PDB file of all heavy atoms in Angstrom:
ATOM      1  N   MET A   1     -74.616 -26.502-109.880  1.00  0.00           N
ATOM      2  CA  MET A   1     -73.805 -26.739-111.064  1.00  0.00           C
ATOM      3  C   MET A   1     -72.960 -28.018-110.939  1.00  0.00           C
ATOM      4  O   MET A   1     -72.826 -28.822-111.847  1.00  0.00           O
ATOM      5  CB  MET A   1     -72.925 -25.566-111.369  1.00  0.00           C
ATOM      6  CG  MET A   1     -72.277 -25.566-112.767  1.00  0.00           C
ATOM      7  SD  MET A   1     -71.305 -24.087-113.081  1.00  0.00           S
ATOM      8  CE  MET A   1     -70.975 -24.293-114.846  1.00  0.00           C
ATOM      9  N   GLN A   2     -72.373 -28.193-109.738  1.00  0.00           N
ATOM     10  CA  GLN A   2     -71.643 -29.443-109.495  1.00  0.00           C
ATOM     11  C   GLN A   2     -72.522 -30.659-109.638  1.00  0.00           C
ATOM     12  O   GLN A   2     -72.048 -31.673-110.156  1.00  0.00           O
ATOM     13  CB  GLN A   2     -70.987 -29.395-108.090  1.00  0.00           C
ATOM     14  CG  GLN A   2     -70.181 -30.593-107.725  1.00  0.00           C
ATOM     15  CD  GLN A   2     -68.891 -30.733-108.548  1.00  0.00           C
ATOM     16  OE1 GLN A   2     -68.022 -29.907-108.460  1.00  0.00           O
ATOM     17  NE2 GLN A   2     -68.843 -31.748-109.416  1.00  0.00           N
ATOM     18  N   GLU A   3     -73.684 -30.605-109.132  1.00  0.00           N
ATOM     19  CA  GLU A   3     -74.635 -31.730-109.222  1.00  0.00           C
ATOM     20  C   GLU A   3     -74.906 -32.078-110.707  1.00  0.00           C
ATOM     21  O   GLU A   3     -74.946 -33.244-111.053  1.00  0.00           O
ATOM     22  CB  GLU A   3     -75.913 -31.390-108.479  1.00  0.00           C
ATOM     23  CG  GLU A   3     -76.930 -32.483-108.425  1.00  0.00           C
ATOM     24  CD  GLU A   3     -77.886 -32.580-109.605  1.00  0.00           C
ATOM     25  OE1 GLU A   3     -78.075 -31.509-110.202  1.00  0.00           O
ATOM     26  OE2 GLU A   3     -78.363 -33.678-109.903  1.00  0.00           O
ATOM     27  N   ARG A   4     -75.170 -31.016-111.492  1.00  0.00           N
ATOM     28  CA  ARG A   4     -75.374 -31.248-112.978  1.00  0.00           C
ATOM     29  C   ARG A   4     -74.164 -31.854-113.606  1.00  0.00           C
ATOM     30  O   ARG A   4     -74.277 -32.708-114.449  1.00  0.00           O
ATOM     31  CB  ARG A   4     -75.761 -29.967-113.664  1.00  0.00           C
ATOM     32  CG  ARG A   4     -76.987 -29.256-113.088  1.00  0.00           C
ATOM     33  CD  ARG A   4     -78.296 -29.909-113.417  1.00  0.00           C
ATOM     34  NE  ARG A   4     -79.411 -28.960-113.235  1.00  0.00           N
ATOM     35  CZ  ARG A   4     -80.012 -28.736-112.068  1.00  0.00           C
ATOM     36  NH1 ARG A   4     -79.653 -29.374-110.979  1.00  0.00           N
ATOM     37  NH2 ARG A   4     -81.027 -27.850-111.993  1.00  0.00           N
ATOM     38  N   LEU A   5     -73.012 -31.345-113.232  1.00  0.00           N
ATOM     39  CA  LEU A   5     -71.744 -31.774-113.802  1.00  0.00           C
ATOM     40  C   LEU A   5     -71.430 -33.181-113.443  1.00  0.00           C
ATOM     41  O   LEU A   5     -71.032 -34.062-114.237  1.00  0.00           O
ATOM     42  CB  LEU A   5     -70.610 -30.822-113.343  1.00  0.00           C
ATOM     43  CG  LEU A   5     -69.249 -30.903-114.047  1.00  0.00           C
ATOM     44  CD1 LEU A   5     -69.390 -30.647-115.536  1.00  0.00           C
ATOM     45  CD2 LEU A   5     -68.304 -29.873-113.387  1.00  0.00           C
ATOM     46  N   SER A   6     -71.668 -33.590-112.175  1.00  0.00           N
ATOM     47  CA  SER A   6     -71.429 -34.952-111.689  1.00  0.00           C
ATOM     48  C   SER A   6     -72.342 -35.995-112.352  1.00  0.00           C
ATOM     49  O   SER A   6     -71.963 -37.163-112.395  1.00  0.00           O
ATOM     50  CB  SER A   6     -71.529 -35.001-110.142  1.00  0.00           C
ATOM     51  OG  SER A   6     -70.590 -34.114-109.549  1.00  0.00           O
ATOM     52  N   ALA A   7     -73.485 -35.517-112.797  1.00  0.00           N
ATOM     53  CA  ALA A   7     -74.398 -36.439-113.483  1.00  0.00           C
ATOM     54  C   ALA A   7     -73.877 -36.857-114.849  1.00  0.00           C
ATOM     55  O   ALA A   7     -74.249 -37.834-115.411  1.00  0.00           O
ATOM     56  CB  ALA A   7     -75.785 -35.804-113.605  1.00  0.00           C
ATOM     57  N   LEU A   8     -72.938 -36.016-115.366  1.00  0.00           N
ATOM     58  CA  LEU A   8     -72.352 -36.280-116.682  1.00  0.00           C
ATOM     59  C   LEU A   8     -71.034 -36.980-116.674  1.00  0.00           C
ATOM     60  O   LEU A   8     -70.651 -37.839-117.508  1.00  0.00           O
ATOM     61  CB  LEU A   8     -72.231 -34.951-117.448  1.00  0.00           C
ATOM     62  CG  LEU A   8     -73.550 -34.219-117.757  1.00  0.00           C
ATOM     63  CD1 LEU A   8     -73.186 -32.869-118.456  1.00  0.00           C
ATOM     64  CD2 LEU A   8     -74.454 -35.072-118.598  1.00  0.00           C
ATOM     65  N   ARG A   9     -70.192 -36.637-115.665  1.00  0.00           N
ATOM     66  CA  ARG A   9     -68.873 -37.252-115.541  1.00  0.00           C
ATOM     67  C   ARG A   9     -68.374 -37.166-114.098  1.00  0.00           C
ATOM     68  O   ARG A   9     -68.806 -36.308-113.345  1.00  0.00           O
ATOM     69  CB  ARG A   9     -67.909 -36.577-116.476  1.00  0.00           C
ATOM     70  CG  ARG A   9     -67.871 -35.033-116.370  1.00  0.00           C
ATOM     71  CD  ARG A   9     -67.188 -34.364-117.558  1.00  0.00           C
ATOM     72  NE  ARG A   9     -65.764 -34.776-117.657  1.00  0.00           N
ATOM     73  CZ  ARG A   9     -65.042 -34.470-118.706  1.00  0.00           C
ATOM     74  NH1 ARG A   9     -65.552 -33.783-119.791  1.00  0.00           N
ATOM     75  NH2 ARG A   9     -63.716 -34.805-118.773  1.00  0.00           N
ATOM     76  N   ASN A  10     -67.481 -38.057-113.757  1.00  0.00           N
ATOM     77  CA  ASN A  10     -67.074 -38.093-112.327  1.00  0.00           C
ATOM     78  C   ASN A  10     -65.655 -37.577-112.073  1.00  0.00           C
ATOM     79  O   ASN A  10     -65.083 -37.769-111.052  1.00  0.00           O
ATOM     80  CB  ASN A  10     -67.061 -39.579-111.830  1.00  0.00           C
ATOM     81  CG  ASN A  10     -66.175 -40.513-112.647  1.00  0.00           C
ATOM     82  OD1 ASN A  10     -65.460 -40.067-113.468  1.00  0.00           O
ATOM     83  ND2 ASN A  10     -66.267 -41.828-112.394  1.00  0.00           N
ATOM     84  N   ASP A  11     -65.152 -36.793-113.090  1.00  0.00           N
ATOM     85  CA  ASP A  11     -63.732 -36.352-112.932  1.00  0.00           C
ATOM     86  C   ASP A  11     -63.675 -34.822-112.924  1.00  0.00           C
ATOM     87  O   ASP A  11     -62.566 -34.289-112.949  1.00  0.00           O
ATOM     88  CB  ASP A  11     -62.953 -36.851-114.118  1.00  0.00           C
ATOM     89  CG  ASP A  11     -63.423 -36.350-115.438  1.00  0.00           C
ATOM     90  OD1 ASP A  11     -64.587 -35.890-115.592  1.00  0.00           O
ATOM     91  OD2 ASP A  11     -62.637 -36.238-116.409  1.00  0.00           O
ATOM     92  N   ALA A  12     -64.786 -34.105-112.838  1.00  0.00           N
ATOM     93  CA  ALA A  12     -64.805 -32.666-112.865  1.00  0.00           C
ATOM     94  C   ALA A  12     -65.382 -32.092-111.580  1.00  0.00           C
ATOM     95  O   ALA A  12     -66.430 -32.466-111.140  1.00  0.00           O
ATOM     96  CB  ALA A  12     -65.603 -32.187-114.101  1.00  0.00           C
ATOM     97  N   PHE A  13     -64.663 -31.109-111.026  1.00  0.00           N
ATOM     98  CA  PHE A  13     -65.002 -30.549-109.763  1.00  0.00           C
ATOM     99  C   PHE A  13     -64.903 -29.002-109.768  1.00  0.00           C
ATOM    100  O   PHE A  13     -63.993 -28.467-110.420  1.00  0.00           O
ATOM    101  CB  PHE A  13     -64.112 -31.065-108.669  1.00  0.00           C
ATOM    102  CG  PHE A  13     -64.060 -32.588-108.607  1.00  0.00           C
ATOM    103  CD1 PHE A  13     -63.104 -33.275-109.290  1.00  0.00           C
ATOM    104  CD2 PHE A  13     -65.020 -33.277-107.823  1.00  0.00           C
ATOM    105  CE1 PHE A  13     -63.061 -34.696-109.254  1.00  0.00           C
ATOM    106  CE2 PHE A  13     -64.990 -34.678-107.748  1.00  0.00           C
ATOM    107  CZ  PHE A  13     -64.012 -35.383-108.471  1.00  0.00           C
ATOM    108  N   ILE A  14     -65.852 -28.345-109.091  1.00  0.00           N
ATOM    109  CA  ILE A  14     -65.867 -26.900-109.047  1.00  0.00           C
ATOM    110  C   ILE A  14     -65.327 -26.467-107.680  1.00  0.00           C
ATOM    111  O   ILE A  14     -65.763 -27.042-106.654  1.00  0.00           O
ATOM    112  CB  ILE A  14     -67.235 -26.340-109.277  1.00  0.00           C
ATOM    113  CG1 ILE A  14     -67.753 -26.705-110.653  1.00  0.00           C
ATOM    114  CG2 ILE A  14     -67.309 -24.801-109.081  1.00  0.00           C
ATOM    115  CD1 ILE A  14     -69.229 -26.447-110.902  1.00  0.00           C
ATOM    116  N   TYR A  15     -64.462 -25.458-107.634  1.00  0.00           N
ATOM    117  CA  TYR A  15     -64.079 -24.821-106.406  1.00  0.00           C
ATOM    118  C   TYR A  15     -64.058 -23.313-106.601  1.00  0.00           C
ATOM    119  O   TYR A  15     -64.169 -22.861-107.736  1.00  0.00           O
ATOM    120  CB  TYR A  15     -62.730 -25.379-105.879  1.00  0.00           C
ATOM    121  CG  TYR A  15     -61.517 -24.834-106.648  1.00  0.00           C
ATOM    122  CD1 TYR A  15     -60.770 -23.720-106.126  1.00  0.00           C
ATOM    123  CD2 TYR A  15     -61.123 -25.383-107.829  1.00  0.00           C
ATOM    124  CE1 TYR A  15     -59.631 -23.242-106.723  1.00  0.00           C
ATOM    125  CE2 TYR A  15     -60.021 -24.856-108.500  1.00  0.00           C
ATOM    126  CZ  TYR A  15     -59.290 -23.790-107.922  1.00  0.00           C
ATOM    127  OH  TYR A  15     -58.171 -23.333-108.602  1.00  0.00           O
ATOM    128  N   THR A  16     -63.970 -22.602-105.510  1.00  0.00           N
ATOM    129  CA  THR A  16     -64.072 -21.108-105.591  1.00  0.00           C
ATOM    130  C   THR A  16     -62.892 -20.493-104.909  1.00  0.00           C
ATOM    131  O   THR A  16     -62.232 -21.060-104.042  1.00  0.00           O
ATOM    132  CB  THR A  16     -65.349 -20.617-104.964  1.00  0.00           C
ATOM    133  OG1 THR A  16     -65.261 -20.788-103.554  1.00  0.00           O
ATOM    134  CG2 THR A  16     -66.613 -21.287-105.472  1.00  0.00           C
ATOM    135  N   VAL A  17     -62.640 -19.220-105.314  1.00  0.00           N
ATOM    136  CA  VAL A  17     -61.630 -18.419-104.698  1.00  0.00           C
ATOM    137  C   VAL A  17     -62.090 -17.755-103.413  1.00  0.00           C
ATOM    138  O   VAL A  17     -61.430 -17.683-102.404  1.00  0.00           O
ATOM    139  CB  VAL A  17     -61.083 -17.371-105.605  1.00  0.00           C
ATOM    140  CG1 VAL A  17     -59.960 -16.481-104.996  1.00  0.00           C
ATOM    141  CG2 VAL A  17     -60.636 -17.977-106.985  1.00  0.00           C
ATOM    142  N   GLU A  18     -63.335 -17.244-103.447  1.00  0.00           N
ATOM    143  CA  GLU A  18     -63.902 -16.510-102.349  1.00  0.00           C
ATOM    144  C   GLU A  18     -65.258 -17.042-101.869  1.00  0.00           C
ATOM    145  O   GLU A  18     -66.062 -16.254-101.312  1.00  0.00           O
ATOM    146  CB  GLU A  18     -64.041 -15.019-102.758  1.00  0.00           C
ATOM    147  CG  GLU A  18     -62.724 -14.375-103.140  1.00  0.00           C
ATOM    148  CD  GLU A  18     -62.874 -12.969-103.524  1.00  0.00           C
ATOM    149  OE1 GLU A  18     -63.938 -12.406-103.315  1.00  0.00           O
ATOM    150  OE2 GLU A  18     -61.867 -12.375-104.046  1.00  0.00           O
ATOM    151  N   GLY A  19     -65.497 -18.330-102.061  1.00  0.00           N
ATOM    152  CA  GLY A  19     -66.769 -18.889-101.604  1.00  0.00           C
ATOM    153  C   GLY A  19     -66.522 -20.303-101.108  1.00  0.00           C
ATOM    154  O   GLY A  19     -65.582 -20.630-100.390  1.00  0.00           O
ATOM    155  N   PHE A  20     -67.547 -21.144-101.384  1.00  0.00           N
ATOM    156  CA  PHE A  20     -67.432 -22.577-101.029  1.00  0.00           C
ATOM    157  C   PHE A  20     -67.822 -23.367-102.167  1.00  0.00           C
ATOM    158  O   PHE A  20     -68.813 -23.023-102.890  1.00  0.00           O
ATOM    159  CB  PHE A  20     -68.293 -22.902 -99.785  1.00  0.00           C
ATOM    160  CG  PHE A  20     -68.242 -24.342 -99.340  1.00  0.00           C
ATOM    161  CD1 PHE A  20     -67.238 -24.776 -98.503  1.00  0.00           C
ATOM    162  CD2 PHE A  20     -69.135 -25.233 -99.814  1.00  0.00           C
ATOM    163  CE1 PHE A  20     -67.209 -26.069 -98.093  1.00  0.00           C
ATOM    164  CE2 PHE A  20     -69.052 -26.563 -99.461  1.00  0.00           C
ATOM    165  CZ  PHE A  20     -68.068 -26.996 -98.583  1.00  0.00           C
ATOM    166  N   PRO A  21     -67.161 -24.537-102.422  1.00  0.00           N
ATOM    167  CA  PRO A  21     -65.963 -25.078-101.656  1.00  0.00           C
ATOM    168  C   PRO A  21     -64.647 -24.361-102.099  1.00  0.00           C
ATOM    169  O   PRO A  21     -64.599 -23.760-103.131  1.00  0.00           O
ATOM    170  CB  PRO A  21     -65.927 -26.541-102.088  1.00  0.00           C
ATOM    171  CG  PRO A  21     -66.501 -26.574-103.464  1.00  0.00           C
ATOM    172  CD  PRO A  21     -67.555 -25.498-103.458  1.00  0.00           C
ATOM    173  N   ARG A  22     -63.639 -24.401-101.235  1.00  0.00           N
ATOM    174  CA  ARG A  22     -62.368 -23.897-101.535  1.00  0.00           C
ATOM    175  C   ARG A  22     -61.525 -25.060-102.037  1.00  0.00           C
ATOM    176  O   ARG A  22     -61.912 -26.250-101.880  1.00  0.00           O
ATOM    177  CB  ARG A  22     -61.693 -23.240-100.280  1.00  0.00           C
ATOM    178  CG  ARG A  22     -62.521 -22.151 -99.630  1.00  0.00           C
ATOM    179  CD  ARG A  22     -62.678 -21.026-100.570  1.00  0.00           C
ATOM    180  NE  ARG A  22     -61.470 -20.209-100.609  1.00  0.00           N
ATOM    181  CZ  ARG A  22     -61.237 -19.143 -99.816  1.00  0.00           C
ATOM    182  NH1 ARG A  22     -62.131 -18.740 -98.926  1.00  0.00           N
ATOM    183  NH2 ARG A  22     -60.116 -18.428 -99.985  1.00  0.00           N
ATOM    184  N   LEU A  23     -60.390 -24.783-102.630  1.00  0.00           N
ATOM    185  CA  LEU A  23     -59.445 -25.765-103.120  1.00  0.00           C
ATOM    186  C   LEU A  23     -59.135 -26.811-102.049  1.00  0.00           C
ATOM    187  O   LEU A  23     -59.180 -28.013-102.290  1.00  0.00           O
ATOM    188  CB  LEU A  23     -58.193 -25.125-103.639  1.00  0.00           C
ATOM    189  CG  LEU A  23     -57.144 -26.090-104.173  1.00  0.00           C
ATOM    190  CD1 LEU A  23     -57.651 -26.891-105.372  1.00  0.00           C
ATOM    191  CD2 LEU A  23     -55.850 -25.316-104.564  1.00  0.00           C
ATOM    192  N   GLU A  24     -58.929 -26.286-100.803  1.00  0.00           N
ATOM    193  CA  GLU A  24     -58.547 -27.225 -99.718  1.00  0.00           C
ATOM    194  C   GLU A  24     -59.614 -28.254 -99.469  1.00  0.00           C
ATOM    195  O   GLU A  24     -59.348 -29.356 -98.933  1.00  0.00           O
ATOM    196  CB  GLU A  24     -58.236 -26.376 -98.422  1.00  0.00           C
ATOM    197  CG  GLU A  24     -57.022 -25.541 -98.565  1.00  0.00           C
ATOM    198  CD  GLU A  24     -57.249 -24.250 -99.295  1.00  0.00           C
ATOM    199  OE1 GLU A  24     -58.419 -24.018 -99.730  1.00  0.00           O
ATOM    200  OE2 GLU A  24     -56.283 -23.445 -99.438  1.00  0.00           O
ATOM    201  N   ASN A  25     -60.866 -27.938 -99.747  1.00  0.00           N
ATOM    202  CA  ASN A  25     -61.980 -28.836 -99.518  1.00  0.00           C
ATOM    203  C   ASN A  25     -61.983 -30.020-100.425  1.00  0.00           C
ATOM    204  O   ASN A  25     -62.623 -31.029-100.208  1.00  0.00           O
ATOM    205  CB  ASN A  25     -63.277 -28.139 -99.591  1.00  0.00           C
ATOM    206  CG  ASN A  25     -63.442 -27.004 -98.619  1.00  0.00           C
ATOM    207  OD1 ASN A  25     -63.672 -25.849 -99.025  1.00  0.00           O
ATOM    208  ND2 ASN A  25     -63.324 -27.238 -97.315  1.00  0.00           N
ATOM    209  N   LEU A  26     -61.230 -29.865-101.583  1.00  0.00           N
ATOM    210  CA  LEU A  26     -61.237 -30.874-102.612  1.00  0.00           C
ATOM    211  C   LEU A  26     -60.041 -31.839-102.566  1.00  0.00           C
ATOM    212  O   LEU A  26     -60.123 -32.961-103.209  1.00  0.00           O
ATOM    213  CB  LEU A  26     -61.352 -30.251-103.987  1.00  0.00           C
ATOM    214  CG  LEU A  26     -62.587 -29.473-104.318  1.00  0.00           C
ATOM    215  CD1 LEU A  26     -62.497 -28.970-105.797  1.00  0.00           C
ATOM    216  CD2 LEU A  26     -63.809 -30.317-104.146  1.00  0.00           C
ATOM    217  N   ILE A  27     -58.962 -31.460-101.955  1.00  0.00           N
ATOM    218  CA  ILE A  27     -57.743 -32.216-102.036  1.00  0.00           C
ATOM    219  C   ILE A  27     -57.916 -33.661-101.482  1.00  0.00           C
ATOM    220  O   ILE A  27     -57.518 -34.630-102.144  1.00  0.00           O
ATOM    221  CB  ILE A  27     -56.544 -31.443-101.308  1.00  0.00           C
ATOM    222  CG1 ILE A  27     -56.193 -30.259-102.138  1.00  0.00           C
ATOM    223  CG2 ILE A  27     -55.338 -32.391-101.176  1.00  0.00           C
ATOM    224  CD1 ILE A  27     -55.103 -29.444-101.525  1.00  0.00           C
TER     225      ILE A  27
END
């Protein structure tokens, strides 16, 4: 889903509460 999203815009990112990536991975 992130790959599809990134193909449309460069300002949107997905993170998860109980999976990967976590918020800390994006900071």
